Amino acid sequence: MLSTIKNFPVCYSMPYFKSVKRCLLKSYFYSSIKHLHMQSKTDNITDYLKEIPDERSQAFSKLRDTVRKNLPKGFEERIIYGMVGYVVPLKTYPAGYHCDPSLPLSFLSIANQKNFIALYHMGIYSDPKLLNWFVEEYPKHSKSKLDMGKSCIRFKKPDDIPFALIAELCQKMTPQQWIDIYEGVLAQSKSRKPKK
């Protein structure tokens, strides 16, 4: 099933990684996100929404509402990496993002790109079962072909966004589940490091 997704599993144009989990641990994983889209300079969500073209504004607002209504309690909305992001706040997970502990642990983001609306969901790229579920369910909810790769799901036509499926996807992972997966990957990485 995964072979049907163009360029998957490519993560930030680095095909030599054998798994998304290993990519997750690279020092520039989150910081690279800002180079993949039209980065907004605002730090205010209201202003970000005003920057979205009229032809996408309604769909983007509906996507944001879908995410906000369906993410489990504990995630926090904020502008991060120039996108509307949903993070595990530092008050919940003080360790933060391991390469920059001053940053909260990112989980999901939505962005207005030059040619599409993008949704980034870290759970999909770290949980194969969740990814397989999404890939199998997508054709049941959208007539368009799944356009997925480089850590984003792309929607070139606003009418093609499967809001019901996105709602269900958002419900499937709590902040604590994401923390557990993230820490598990970190532990595996440390155990692989050669002993001096």
Protein backbone atom coordinates (compact mmCIF):
# COMPACT_ATOMS: atom_id res chain seq x y z
CA MET A 1 0.00 0.00 0.00
CA LEU A 2 2.78 2.43 0.89
CA SER A 3 4.33 2.00 -2.54
CA THR A 4 1.36 3.80 -4.04
CA ILE A 5 2.43 7.06 -2.43
CA LYS A 6 4.85 8.98 -4.61
CA ASN A 7 8.26 9.47 -3.00
CA PHE A 8 7.23 7.78 0.25
CA PRO A 9 8.95 7.34 2.63
CA VAL A 10 11.01 10.38 1.74
CA CYS A 11 11.49 12.74 4.62
CA TYR A 12 12.70 16.22 3.84
CA SER A 13 14.37 15.08 0.61
CA MET A 14 16.66 12.55 2.33
CA PRO A 15 15.82 9.20 0.74
CA TYR A 16 18.81 7.45 2.24
CA PHE A 17 17.06 7.16 5.59
CA LYS A 18 15.68 3.65 5.97
CA SER A 19 12.89 4.71 8.29
CA VAL A 20 10.93 7.77 9.23
CA LYS A 21 11.77 7.08 12.86
CA ARG A 22 15.46 7.60 12.19
CA CYS A 23 14.65 10.78 10.31
CA LEU A 24 12.63 11.96 13.29
CA LEU A 25 15.79 12.07 15.32
CA LYS A 26 17.91 14.16 12.97
CA SER A 27 18.85 17.49 14.46
CA TYR A 28 17.23 19.55 11.74
CA PHE A 29 13.99 17.57 11.59
CA TYR A 30 11.62 20.26 12.81
CA SER A 31 13.78 23.23 11.89
CA SER A 32 13.75 22.05 8.27
CA ILE A 33 9.98 22.46 8.09
CA LYS A 34 10.32 26.20 7.67
CA HIS A 35 12.16 25.71 4.37
CA LEU A 36 9.38 23.62 2.85
CA HIS A 37 6.65 26.20 2.57
CA MET A 38 5.78 29.86 2.15
CA GLN A 39 6.84 30.88 5.62
CA SER A 40 4.64 33.47 7.26
CA LYS A 41 6.44 36.05 9.37
CA THR A 42 3.50 36.61 11.68
CA ASP A 43 3.32 35.11 15.15
CA ASN A 44 -0.40 35.69 15.37
CA ILE A 45 -2.96 33.16 14.12
CA THR A 46 -5.53 35.83 13.28
CA ASP A 47 -3.03 37.60 11.06
CA TYR A 48 -1.97 34.29 9.50
CA LEU A 49 -5.55 33.58 8.48
CA LYS A 50 -5.81 37.02 6.87
CA GLU A 51 -2.86 36.17 4.61
CA ILE A 52 -4.65 33.19 3.04
CA PRO A 53 -6.07 33.82 -0.48
CA ASP A 54 -9.82 34.17 -0.72
CA GLU A 55 -10.18 30.99 -2.79
CA ARG A 56 -8.65 28.94 0.05
CA SER A 57 -9.76 30.88 3.09
CA GLN A 58 -13.00 29.02 3.73
CA ALA A 59 -11.44 25.58 3.30
CA PHE A 60 -8.45 26.45 5.47
CA SER A 61 -10.68 27.78 8.24
CA LYS A 62 -12.79 24.64 8.08
CA LEU A 63 -9.64 22.49 8.26
CA ARG A 64 -8.45 24.45 11.29
CA ASP A 65 -11.85 24.08 12.96
CA THR A 66 -11.80 20.35 12.24
CA VAL A 67 -8.40 19.96 13.87
CA ARG A 68 -9.31 22.08 16.89
CA LYS A 69 -12.57 20.24 17.53
CA ASN A 70 -11.10 16.75 17.22
CA LEU A 71 -7.61 16.81 18.71
CA PRO A 72 -7.62 15.28 22.20
CA LYS A 73 -7.33 17.64 25.14
CA GLY A 74 -3.79 18.73 25.94
CA PHE A 75 -2.48 19.94 22.60
CA GLU A 76 -1.96 23.68 22.27
CA GLU A 77 -2.45 25.82 19.16
CA ARG A 78 0.27 28.30 18.24
CA ILE A 79 2.24 29.65 15.31
CA ILE A 80 5.37 27.53 14.98
CA TYR A 81 7.79 27.40 12.05
CA GLY A 82 5.56 29.89 10.25
CA MET A 83 2.55 27.58 10.31
CA VAL A 84 -0.54 27.03 12.44
CA GLY A 85 0.76 24.31 14.71
CA TYR A 86 -0.47 22.04 17.47
CA VAL A 87 2.11 21.13 20.07
CA VAL A 88 2.56 19.42 23.40
CA PRO A 89 3.19 22.50 25.57
CA LEU A 90 6.28 22.74 27.75
CA LYS A 91 4.11 22.75 30.87
CA THR A 92 3.04 19.22 29.91
CA TYR A 93 6.35 18.02 28.49
CA PRO A 94 9.15 20.22 29.90
CA ALA A 95 11.83 18.29 27.98
CA GLY A 96 10.51 19.84 24.76
CA TYR A 97 11.98 19.06 21.36
CA HIS A 98 15.27 17.28 22.07
CA CYS A 99 17.39 19.36 19.69
CA ASP A 100 16.07 22.62 21.13
CA PRO A 101 14.44 22.10 24.55
CA SER A 102 13.13 25.66 24.48
CA LEU A 103 10.67 24.57 21.78
CA PRO A 104 7.55 22.52 22.52
CA LEU A 105 7.14 19.11 20.95
CA SER A 106 5.36 19.59 17.61
CA PHE A 107 2.65 17.16 16.60
CA LEU A 108 0.51 18.58 13.78
CA SER A 109 0.59 21.66 11.58
CA ILE A 110 -1.47 23.13 8.77
CA ALA A 111 -0.06 25.57 6.25
CA ASN A 112 -1.01 27.63 3.25
CA GLN A 113 1.53 26.73 0.58
CA LYS A 114 2.02 28.36 -2.80
CA ASN A 115 0.09 25.69 -4.70
CA PHE A 116 -1.75 23.76 -2.02
CA ILE A 117 -2.96 23.50 1.55
CA ALA A 118 -0.72 21.21 3.59
CA LEU A 119 -1.28 19.12 6.68
CA TYR A 120 1.68 17.75 8.62
CA HIS A 121 0.93 14.95 11.09
CA MET A 122 3.86 13.50 13.00
CA GLY A 123 1.84 10.58 14.30
CA ILE A 124 1.37 9.23 10.80
CA TYR A 125 5.11 9.20 10.17
CA SER A 126 6.02 7.50 13.43
CA ASP A 127 3.22 4.93 13.67
CA PRO A 128 3.02 2.54 10.68
CA LYS A 129 -0.38 1.25 11.75
CA LEU A 130 -1.82 4.73 11.74
CA LEU A 131 -0.25 5.46 8.38
CA ASN A 132 -1.65 2.27 6.84
CA TRP A 133 -5.09 3.08 8.22
CA PHE A 134 -5.01 6.56 6.71
CA VAL A 135 -3.83 5.35 3.30
CA GLU A 136 -6.54 2.69 3.17
CA GLU A 137 -9.30 5.05 4.30
CA TYR A 138 -8.39 7.99 2.08
CA PRO A 139 -10.02 6.69 -1.16
CA LYS A 140 -13.26 6.20 0.75
CA HIS A 141 -13.39 9.90 1.59
CA SER A 142 -11.94 11.70 -1.41
CA LYS A 143 -12.14 11.34 -5.19
CA SER A 144 -8.67 12.80 -5.58
CA LYS A 145 -5.50 10.72 -5.47
CA LEU A 146 -3.62 10.85 -2.20
CA ASP A 147 -0.76 13.32 -2.63
CA MET A 148 1.62 12.56 0.19
CA GLY A 149 5.33 12.82 0.74
CA LYS A 150 8.10 14.81 2.37
CA SER A 151 6.17 14.79 5.62
CA CYS A 152 3.01 16.44 4.36
CA ILE A 153 -0.37 15.65 2.94
CA ARG A 154 -1.09 18.07 0.10
CA PHE A 155 -4.51 19.30 -0.97
CA LYS A 156 -4.24 21.19 -4.27
CA LYS A 157 -8.00 21.62 -4.55
CA PRO A 158 -9.79 22.84 -1.41
CA ASP A 159 -12.88 20.83 -2.36
CA ASP A 160 -10.85 17.62 -2.14
CA ILE A 161 -10.04 17.91 1.56
CA PRO A 162 -11.63 14.91 3.35
CA PHE A 163 -12.70 16.73 6.51
CA ALA A 164 -14.42 13.71 8.07
CA LEU A 165 -11.28 11.61 7.65
CA ILE A 166 -9.07 14.38 9.04
CA ALA A 167 -11.39 14.62 12.03
CA GLU A 168 -11.03 10.90 12.68
CA LEU A 169 -7.25 11.08 12.22
CA CYS A 170 -7.00 13.87 14.78
CA GLN A 171 -8.83 11.80 17.38
CA LYS A 172 -6.45 8.86 17.21
CA MET A 173 -3.46 10.05 19.25
CA THR A 174 -3.33 11.82 22.61
CA PRO A 175 -0.47 14.04 23.79
CA GLN A 176 0.76 11.29 26.11
CA GLN A 177 0.70 8.71 23.31
CA TRP A 178 2.74 11.05 21.13
CA ILE A 179 5.22 11.65 23.97
CA ASP A 180 5.57 7.90 24.53
CA ILE A 181 6.25 7.27 20.83
CA TYR A 182 8.71 10.15 20.64
CA GLU A 183 10.62 9.04 23.73
CA GLY A 184 10.63 5.46 22.52
CA VAL A 185 12.29 6.54 19.29
CA LEU A 186 14.86 8.58 21.21
CA ALA A 187 15.67 5.62 23.43
CA GLN A 188 16.13 3.34 20.43
CA SER A 189 18.46 5.85 18.85
CA LYS A 190 20.62 6.11 21.96
CA SER A 191 20.83 2.33 22.28
CA ARG A 192 22.19 2.09 18.72
CA LYS A 193 25.06 4.51 19.36
CA PRO A 194 28.41 2.69 19.52
CA LYS A 195 29.99 2.52 22.95
CA LYS A 196 33.31 4.28 23.38
